[in-house]
Amino acid sequence: MSANLTITFDTAFATAGYNATNKWVYASAKTYYRLDQYQELWRHILELVQKNKTGKLFLDDRLGKVIPPGHLEWVFGEIVPEMIKVSGKIRVAIVLSDDVFYQVAINNAERRTTLFGGALQLSQFKDVEEAQAWLISQ
């Protein structure tokens, strides 16, 4: 993690902040999320995107657990369209959890990116450095 990361959200279930050097919003899962917790985190992520006018998200979900379909439906219906309004295109680098149910959810999410006509790009990684390098190159 960069020394230029400012943490603005830190709970028992997730951490989020903004990396001014790389101009991306950072979020990290710590455990399974209930829907209200998931919504709280993503509302904060949206605020950071809006405040910093960025279209880059770095999601370190190595500790993530299964994501119920309703959680992702909410993000795609409520949050992603608002993010696209800010920057026109959203690029998301996700460092994957080893949890197989989590990986299935992310694969399903990646397939749904086509609904946004190229305005949402999601790439999966096993390695933090590889994910960061990809996002920096965007």
N, C-alpha and C. Protein backbone atom coordinates (compact mmCIF):
# COMPACT_ATOMS: atom_id res chain seq x y z
N MET A 1 0.83 -1.17 0.00
CA MET A 1 0.00 0.00 0.00
C MET A 1 0.88 1.24 0.00
N SER A 2 0.48 2.24 -0.72
CA SER A 2 1.26 3.46 -0.87
C SER A 2 1.18 4.33 0.37
N ALA A 3 2.26 5.05 0.62
CA ALA A 3 2.29 6.01 1.73
C ALA A 3 1.33 7.16 1.46
N ASN A 4 0.90 7.33 0.21
CA ASN A 4 -0.01 8.41 -0.15
C ASN A 4 -1.47 8.01 -0.09
N LEU A 5 -1.75 6.92 0.58
CA LEU A 5 -3.14 6.48 0.75
C LEU A 5 -3.71 7.12 1.99
N THR A 6 -4.81 7.82 1.82
CA THR A 6 -5.51 8.42 2.95
C THR A 6 -6.74 7.57 3.25
N ILE A 7 -6.74 6.92 4.41
CA ILE A 7 -7.88 6.08 4.81
C ILE A 7 -9.00 6.99 5.32
N THR A 8 -10.18 6.81 4.75
CA THR A 8 -11.33 7.63 5.14
C THR A 8 -12.49 6.80 5.66
N PHE A 9 -12.33 5.49 5.64
CA PHE A 9 -13.38 4.57 6.06
C PHE A 9 -12.69 3.34 6.63
N ASP A 10 -12.93 3.02 7.89
CA ASP A 10 -12.28 1.85 8.49
C ASP A 10 -13.22 1.24 9.51
N THR A 11 -13.72 0.06 9.18
CA THR A 11 -14.66 -0.64 10.05
C THR A 11 -14.16 -2.07 10.26
N ALA A 12 -14.93 -2.85 10.98
CA ALA A 12 -14.59 -4.25 11.20
C ALA A 12 -14.70 -5.07 9.92
N PHE A 13 -15.43 -4.57 8.92
CA PHE A 13 -15.66 -5.34 7.70
C PHE A 13 -14.92 -4.82 6.47
N ALA A 14 -14.45 -3.57 6.48
CA ALA A 14 -13.78 -3.04 5.29
C ALA A 14 -13.00 -1.76 5.61
N THR A 15 -12.08 -1.45 4.71
CA THR A 15 -11.31 -0.21 4.75
C THR A 15 -11.40 0.43 3.38
N ALA A 16 -11.44 1.76 3.33
CA ALA A 16 -11.44 2.45 2.05
C ALA A 16 -10.73 3.79 2.20
N GLY A 17 -10.25 4.29 1.07
CA GLY A 17 -9.58 5.58 1.07
C GLY A 17 -9.22 5.99 -0.33
N TYR A 18 -8.38 7.03 -0.42
CA TYR A 18 -7.98 7.58 -1.71
C TYR A 18 -6.47 7.65 -1.79
N ASN A 19 -5.92 7.18 -2.90
CA ASN A 19 -4.49 7.25 -3.17
C ASN A 19 -4.27 8.42 -4.13
N ALA A 20 -3.77 9.54 -3.59
CA ALA A 20 -3.60 10.76 -4.39
C ALA A 20 -2.51 10.62 -5.45
N THR A 21 -1.49 9.84 -5.17
CA THR A 21 -0.40 9.66 -6.15
C THR A 21 -0.91 8.96 -7.40
N ASN A 22 -1.65 7.89 -7.21
CA ASN A 22 -2.14 7.09 -8.34
C ASN A 22 -3.55 7.47 -8.78
N LYS A 23 -4.17 8.35 -8.03
CA LYS A 23 -5.52 8.86 -8.37
C LYS A 23 -6.55 7.74 -8.47
N TRP A 24 -6.54 6.86 -7.44
CA TRP A 24 -7.55 5.81 -7.41
C TRP A 24 -8.15 5.70 -6.03
N VAL A 25 -9.37 5.18 -6.01
CA VAL A 25 -10.04 4.85 -4.76
C VAL A 25 -9.63 3.43 -4.41
N TYR A 26 -9.31 3.25 -3.14
CA TYR A 26 -8.87 1.95 -2.62
C TYR A 26 -9.93 1.42 -1.67
N ALA A 27 -10.21 0.13 -1.75
CA ALA A 27 -11.07 -0.52 -0.77
C ALA A 27 -10.55 -1.92 -0.52
N SER A 28 -10.70 -2.37 0.70
CA SER A 28 -10.22 -3.69 1.08
C SER A 28 -11.24 -4.37 1.97
N ALA A 29 -11.61 -5.58 1.59
CA ALA A 29 -12.54 -6.39 2.40
C ALA A 29 -11.78 -7.00 3.57
N LYS A 30 -12.46 -7.11 4.70
CA LYS A 30 -11.88 -7.79 5.85
C LYS A 30 -12.63 -9.07 6.19
N THR A 31 -13.84 -9.20 5.71
CA THR A 31 -14.68 -10.34 6.04
C THR A 31 -15.91 -10.35 5.14
N TYR A 32 -16.88 -11.19 5.44
CA TYR A 32 -18.17 -11.22 4.76
C TYR A 32 -18.95 -9.94 5.10
N TYR A 33 -19.71 -9.42 4.15
CA TYR A 33 -20.53 -8.23 4.36
C TYR A 33 -22.01 -8.57 4.41
N ARG A 34 -22.70 -8.00 5.37
CA ARG A 34 -24.17 -7.97 5.29
C ARG A 34 -24.51 -6.89 4.26
N LEU A 35 -25.73 -6.92 3.74
CA LEU A 35 -26.13 -5.96 2.71
C LEU A 35 -25.97 -4.52 3.21
N ASP A 36 -26.39 -4.22 4.43
CA ASP A 36 -26.27 -2.84 4.92
C ASP A 36 -24.81 -2.41 5.01
N GLN A 37 -23.92 -3.31 5.37
CA GLN A 37 -22.49 -2.99 5.43
C GLN A 37 -21.93 -2.78 4.02
N TYR A 38 -22.32 -3.63 3.11
CA TYR A 38 -21.89 -3.53 1.72
C TYR A 38 -22.32 -2.19 1.13
N GLN A 39 -23.57 -1.82 1.40
CA GLN A 39 -24.08 -0.54 0.91
C GLN A 39 -23.34 0.64 1.53
N GLU A 40 -23.05 0.56 2.81
CA GLU A 40 -22.31 1.62 3.49
C GLU A 40 -20.94 1.81 2.84
N LEU A 41 -20.23 0.71 2.60
CA LEU A 41 -18.92 0.78 1.97
C LEU A 41 -19.02 1.38 0.57
N TRP A 42 -19.93 0.89 -0.25
CA TRP A 42 -20.03 1.35 -1.63
C TRP A 42 -20.52 2.78 -1.73
N ARG A 43 -21.34 3.22 -0.81
CA ARG A 43 -21.72 4.64 -0.79
C ARG A 43 -20.50 5.50 -0.51
N HIS A 44 -19.65 5.04 0.39
CA HIS A 44 -18.42 5.77 0.69
C HIS A 44 -17.48 5.77 -0.52
N ILE A 45 -17.35 4.63 -1.19
CA ILE A 45 -16.53 4.56 -2.40
C ILE A 45 -17.05 5.55 -3.44
N LEU A 46 -18.36 5.60 -3.63
CA LEU A 46 -18.96 6.55 -4.57
C LEU A 46 -18.62 7.99 -4.18
N GLU A 47 -18.72 8.31 -2.90
CA GLU A 47 -18.36 9.67 -2.45
C GLU A 47 -16.91 10.00 -2.79
N LEU A 48 -16.01 9.04 -2.60
CA LEU A 48 -14.60 9.27 -2.93
C LEU A 48 -14.40 9.46 -4.43
N VAL A 49 -15.10 8.68 -5.24
CA VAL A 49 -15.03 8.83 -6.69
C VAL A 49 -15.51 10.23 -7.08
N GLN A 50 -16.63 10.66 -6.52
CA GLN A 50 -17.18 11.97 -6.84
C GLN A 50 -16.28 13.10 -6.36
N LYS A 51 -15.80 13.00 -5.15
CA LYS A 51 -14.96 14.05 -4.57
C LYS A 51 -13.66 14.21 -5.34
N ASN A 52 -13.05 13.10 -5.73
CA ASN A 52 -11.74 13.12 -6.38
C ASN A 52 -11.81 13.04 -7.90
N LYS A 53 -13.02 12.93 -8.43
CA LYS A 53 -13.24 12.88 -9.88
C LYS A 53 -12.33 11.86 -10.56
N THR A 54 -12.37 10.66 -10.04
CA THR A 54 -11.56 9.59 -10.60
C THR A 54 -12.43 8.47 -11.14
N GLY A 55 -11.89 7.72 -12.06
CA GLY A 55 -12.59 6.55 -12.60
C GLY A 55 -11.82 5.27 -12.34
N LYS A 56 -10.90 5.32 -11.35
CA LYS A 56 -10.08 4.16 -11.05
C LYS A 56 -10.37 3.63 -9.65
N LEU A 57 -10.60 2.32 -9.57
CA LEU A 57 -10.83 1.65 -8.28
C LEU A 57 -9.84 0.51 -8.13
N PHE A 58 -9.22 0.46 -6.97
CA PHE A 58 -8.33 -0.65 -6.63
C PHE A 58 -8.98 -1.39 -5.46
N LEU A 59 -9.45 -2.61 -5.71
CA LEU A 59 -10.14 -3.40 -4.70
C LEU A 59 -9.25 -4.57 -4.27
N ASP A 60 -8.77 -4.50 -3.05
CA ASP A 60 -7.96 -5.58 -2.49
C ASP A 60 -8.89 -6.48 -1.68
N ASP A 61 -9.39 -7.49 -2.33
CA ASP A 61 -10.38 -8.37 -1.70
C ASP A 61 -9.81 -9.73 -1.34
N ARG A 62 -8.53 -9.78 -1.03
CA ARG A 62 -7.91 -11.06 -0.68
C ARG A 62 -8.57 -11.71 0.53
N LEU A 63 -9.18 -10.92 1.40
CA LEU A 63 -9.86 -11.47 2.58
C LEU A 63 -11.37 -11.56 2.38
N GLY A 64 -11.84 -11.25 1.18
CA GLY A 64 -13.27 -11.26 0.88
C GLY A 64 -13.87 -12.65 0.95
N LYS A 65 -15.14 -12.67 1.21
CA LYS A 65 -15.92 -13.91 1.25
C LYS A 65 -17.03 -13.82 0.22
N VAL A 66 -17.86 -14.80 0.16
CA VAL A 66 -18.96 -14.87 -0.80
C VAL A 66 -19.72 -13.53 -0.83
N ILE A 67 -20.09 -13.12 -2.05
CA ILE A 67 -20.89 -11.91 -2.23
C ILE A 67 -22.24 -12.35 -2.78
N PRO A 68 -23.31 -12.21 -2.00
CA PRO A 68 -24.63 -12.61 -2.49
C PRO A 68 -25.03 -11.82 -3.74
N PRO A 69 -25.76 -12.44 -4.66
CA PRO A 69 -26.16 -11.76 -5.90
C PRO A 69 -26.86 -10.42 -5.67
N GLY A 70 -27.67 -10.33 -4.65
CA GLY A 70 -28.38 -9.08 -4.37
C GLY A 70 -27.45 -7.92 -4.06
N HIS A 71 -26.31 -8.22 -3.45
CA HIS A 71 -25.32 -7.18 -3.16
C HIS A 71 -24.79 -6.58 -4.47
N LEU A 72 -24.43 -7.46 -5.40
CA LEU A 72 -23.89 -6.99 -6.68
C LEU A 72 -24.96 -6.31 -7.52
N GLU A 73 -26.18 -6.82 -7.48
CA GLU A 73 -27.29 -6.17 -8.20
C GLU A 73 -27.42 -4.72 -7.75
N TRP A 74 -27.32 -4.50 -6.45
CA TRP A 74 -27.44 -3.16 -5.89
C TRP A 74 -26.31 -2.26 -6.40
N VAL A 75 -25.07 -2.76 -6.40
CA VAL A 75 -23.93 -1.96 -6.88
C VAL A 75 -24.13 -1.61 -8.36
N PHE A 76 -24.51 -2.60 -9.18
CA PHE A 76 -24.68 -2.35 -10.60
C PHE A 76 -25.87 -1.43 -10.89
N GLY A 77 -26.89 -1.48 -10.06
CA GLY A 77 -28.06 -0.65 -10.28
C GLY A 77 -27.96 0.75 -9.70
N GLU A 78 -27.30 0.89 -8.56
CA GLU A 78 -27.27 2.17 -7.85
C GLU A 78 -25.95 2.91 -7.93
N ILE A 79 -24.85 2.23 -7.83
CA ILE A 79 -23.54 2.87 -7.68
C ILE A 79 -22.81 3.06 -9.02
N VAL A 80 -22.71 2.01 -9.81
CA VAL A 80 -21.96 2.09 -11.06
C VAL A 80 -22.47 3.20 -11.97
N PRO A 81 -23.78 3.35 -12.19
CA PRO A 81 -24.22 4.45 -13.07
C PRO A 81 -23.80 5.83 -12.55
N GLU A 82 -23.79 6.01 -11.25
CA GLU A 82 -23.37 7.29 -10.68
C GLU A 82 -21.88 7.51 -10.87
N MET A 83 -21.09 6.45 -10.76
CA MET A 83 -19.65 6.57 -10.99
C MET A 83 -19.35 6.92 -12.44
N ILE A 84 -20.07 6.31 -13.36
CA ILE A 84 -19.87 6.58 -14.78
C ILE A 84 -20.18 8.04 -15.09
N LYS A 85 -21.16 8.60 -14.42
CA LYS A 85 -21.49 10.02 -14.62
C LYS A 85 -20.29 10.92 -14.28
N VAL A 86 -19.48 10.50 -13.32
CA VAL A 86 -18.35 11.31 -12.87
C VAL A 86 -17.21 11.31 -13.88
N SER A 87 -16.83 10.12 -14.35
CA SER A 87 -15.62 10.04 -15.17
C SER A 87 -15.82 9.48 -16.57
N GLY A 88 -17.01 9.04 -16.87
CA GLY A 88 -17.28 8.47 -18.19
C GLY A 88 -16.89 7.02 -18.33
N LYS A 89 -15.83 6.62 -17.64
CA LYS A 89 -15.38 5.23 -17.69
C LYS A 89 -14.82 4.85 -16.32
N ILE A 90 -15.16 3.66 -15.86
CA ILE A 90 -14.67 3.15 -14.58
C ILE A 90 -13.78 1.95 -14.87
N ARG A 91 -12.58 1.97 -14.30
CA ARG A 91 -11.64 0.86 -14.41
C ARG A 91 -11.44 0.29 -13.02
N VAL A 92 -11.67 -1.00 -12.88
CA VAL A 92 -11.60 -1.65 -11.57
C VAL A 92 -10.59 -2.78 -11.62
N ALA A 93 -9.58 -2.70 -10.75
CA ALA A 93 -8.62 -3.79 -10.57
C ALA A 93 -8.98 -4.48 -9.27
N ILE A 94 -9.25 -5.78 -9.34
CA ILE A 94 -9.64 -6.54 -8.16
C ILE A 94 -8.60 -7.62 -7.89
N VAL A 95 -8.05 -7.59 -6.67
CA VAL A 95 -7.17 -8.66 -6.22
C VAL A 95 -8.08 -9.68 -5.55
N LEU A 96 -8.12 -10.86 -6.11
CA LEU A 96 -9.11 -11.87 -5.72
C LEU A 96 -8.80 -12.59 -4.41
N SER A 97 -9.87 -12.95 -3.74
CA SER A 97 -9.84 -13.83 -2.59
C SER A 97 -9.66 -15.26 -3.09
N ASP A 98 -9.18 -16.13 -2.23
CA ASP A 98 -9.10 -17.55 -2.57
C ASP A 98 -10.45 -18.25 -2.41
N ASP A 99 -11.43 -17.57 -1.81
CA ASP A 99 -12.75 -18.14 -1.58
C ASP A 99 -13.44 -18.41 -2.92
N VAL A 100 -13.75 -19.65 -3.21
CA VAL A 100 -14.32 -20.03 -4.50
C VAL A 100 -15.68 -19.36 -4.74
N PHE A 101 -16.49 -19.18 -3.71
CA PHE A 101 -17.78 -18.54 -3.88
C PHE A 101 -17.62 -17.06 -4.21
N TYR A 102 -16.61 -16.45 -3.63
CA TYR A 102 -16.28 -15.06 -3.96
C TYR A 102 -15.88 -14.96 -5.43
N GLN A 103 -15.03 -15.88 -5.88
CA GLN A 103 -14.56 -15.86 -7.26
C GLN A 103 -15.70 -16.03 -8.25
N VAL A 104 -16.66 -16.89 -7.93
CA VAL A 104 -17.83 -17.07 -8.79
C VAL A 104 -18.60 -15.75 -8.90
N ALA A 105 -18.77 -15.07 -7.77
CA ALA A 105 -19.49 -13.79 -7.76
C ALA A 105 -18.78 -12.76 -8.64
N ILE A 106 -17.47 -12.69 -8.54
CA ILE A 106 -16.70 -11.73 -9.34
C ILE A 106 -16.75 -12.11 -10.83
N ASN A 107 -16.68 -13.38 -11.15
CA ASN A 107 -16.82 -13.80 -12.55
C ASN A 107 -18.19 -13.39 -13.10
N ASN A 108 -19.23 -13.56 -12.30
CA ASN A 108 -20.56 -13.13 -12.72
C ASN A 108 -20.61 -11.62 -12.90
N ALA A 109 -19.97 -10.89 -12.01
CA ALA A 109 -19.92 -9.43 -12.11
C ALA A 109 -19.20 -9.00 -13.38
N GLU A 110 -18.10 -9.68 -13.68
CA GLU A 110 -17.33 -9.32 -14.87
C GLU A 110 -18.16 -9.51 -16.14
N ARG A 111 -18.97 -10.54 -16.18
CA ARG A 111 -19.84 -10.75 -17.34
C ARG A 111 -20.88 -9.63 -17.48
N ARG A 112 -21.27 -9.04 -16.36
CA ARG A 112 -22.30 -7.99 -16.38
C ARG A 112 -21.75 -6.64 -16.84
N THR A 113 -20.44 -6.50 -16.93
CA THR A 113 -19.88 -5.20 -17.33
C THR A 113 -20.33 -4.80 -18.73
N THR A 114 -20.69 -5.76 -19.57
CA THR A 114 -21.14 -5.45 -20.93
C THR A 114 -22.41 -4.61 -20.93
N LEU A 115 -23.16 -4.63 -19.84
CA LEU A 115 -24.39 -3.84 -19.75
C LEU A 115 -24.12 -2.34 -19.79
N PHE A 116 -22.87 -1.96 -19.58
CA PHE A 116 -22.53 -0.54 -19.51
C PHE A 116 -21.80 -0.05 -20.77
N GLY A 117 -21.87 -0.83 -21.85
CA GLY A 117 -21.35 -0.40 -23.14
C GLY A 117 -19.90 0.03 -23.15
N GLY A 118 -19.06 -0.68 -22.41
CA GLY A 118 -17.64 -0.35 -22.39
C GLY A 118 -17.25 0.69 -21.35
N ALA A 119 -18.21 1.23 -20.63
CA ALA A 119 -17.92 2.26 -19.63
C ALA A 119 -17.42 1.67 -18.31
N LEU A 120 -17.53 0.35 -18.15
CA LEU A 120 -17.05 -0.32 -16.94
C LEU A 120 -16.10 -1.43 -17.35
N GLN A 121 -14.85 -1.32 -16.89
CA GLN A 121 -13.84 -2.32 -17.19
C GLN A 121 -13.37 -2.92 -15.87
N LEU A 122 -13.50 -4.22 -15.73
CA LEU A 122 -13.13 -4.93 -14.51
C LEU A 122 -12.09 -5.98 -14.85
N SER A 123 -10.95 -5.94 -14.15
CA SER A 123 -9.91 -6.94 -14.37
C SER A 123 -9.54 -7.60 -13.06
N GLN A 124 -9.37 -8.92 -13.11
CA GLN A 124 -9.08 -9.72 -11.92
C GLN A 124 -7.60 -10.07 -11.85
N PHE A 125 -7.07 -10.06 -10.62
CA PHE A 125 -5.66 -10.37 -10.40
C PHE A 125 -5.50 -11.20 -9.14
N LYS A 126 -4.44 -11.99 -9.09
CA LYS A 126 -4.08 -12.74 -7.89
C LYS A 126 -3.02 -12.00 -7.09
N ASP A 127 -2.37 -11.03 -7.71
CA ASP A 127 -1.22 -10.35 -7.14
C ASP A 127 -1.47 -8.84 -7.04
N VAL A 128 -1.17 -8.25 -5.89
CA VAL A 128 -1.39 -6.82 -5.65
C VAL A 128 -0.58 -5.97 -6.64
N GLU A 129 0.69 -6.28 -6.79
CA GLU A 129 1.56 -5.48 -7.65
C GLU A 129 1.09 -5.51 -9.11
N GLU A 130 0.68 -6.67 -9.57
CA GLU A 130 0.18 -6.80 -10.94
C GLU A 130 -1.09 -5.96 -11.13
N ALA A 131 -1.98 -6.00 -10.15
CA ALA A 131 -3.21 -5.21 -10.22
C ALA A 131 -2.91 -3.72 -10.24
N GLN A 132 -1.99 -3.29 -9.38
CA GLN A 132 -1.62 -1.88 -9.33
C GLN A 132 -0.98 -1.43 -10.64
N ALA A 133 -0.11 -2.26 -11.18
CA ALA A 133 0.56 -1.92 -12.44
C ALA A 133 -0.46 -1.76 -13.57
N TRP A 134 -1.42 -2.65 -13.62
CA TRP A 134 -2.47 -2.56 -14.64
C TRP A 134 -3.26 -1.27 -14.48
N LEU A 135 -3.64 -0.94 -13.27
CA LEU A 135 -4.46 0.25 -13.05
C LEU A 135 -3.66 1.52 -13.34
N ILE A 136 -2.38 1.53 -13.01
CA ILE A 136 -1.54 2.69 -13.32
C ILE A 136 -1.44 2.88 -14.84
N SER A 137 -1.41 1.79 -15.58
CA SER A 137 -1.25 1.87 -17.03
C SER A 137 -2.53 2.34 -17.74
N GLN A 138 -3.62 2.39 -17.06
CA GLN A 138 -4.89 2.77 -17.67
C GLN A 138 -5.05 4.27 -17.78
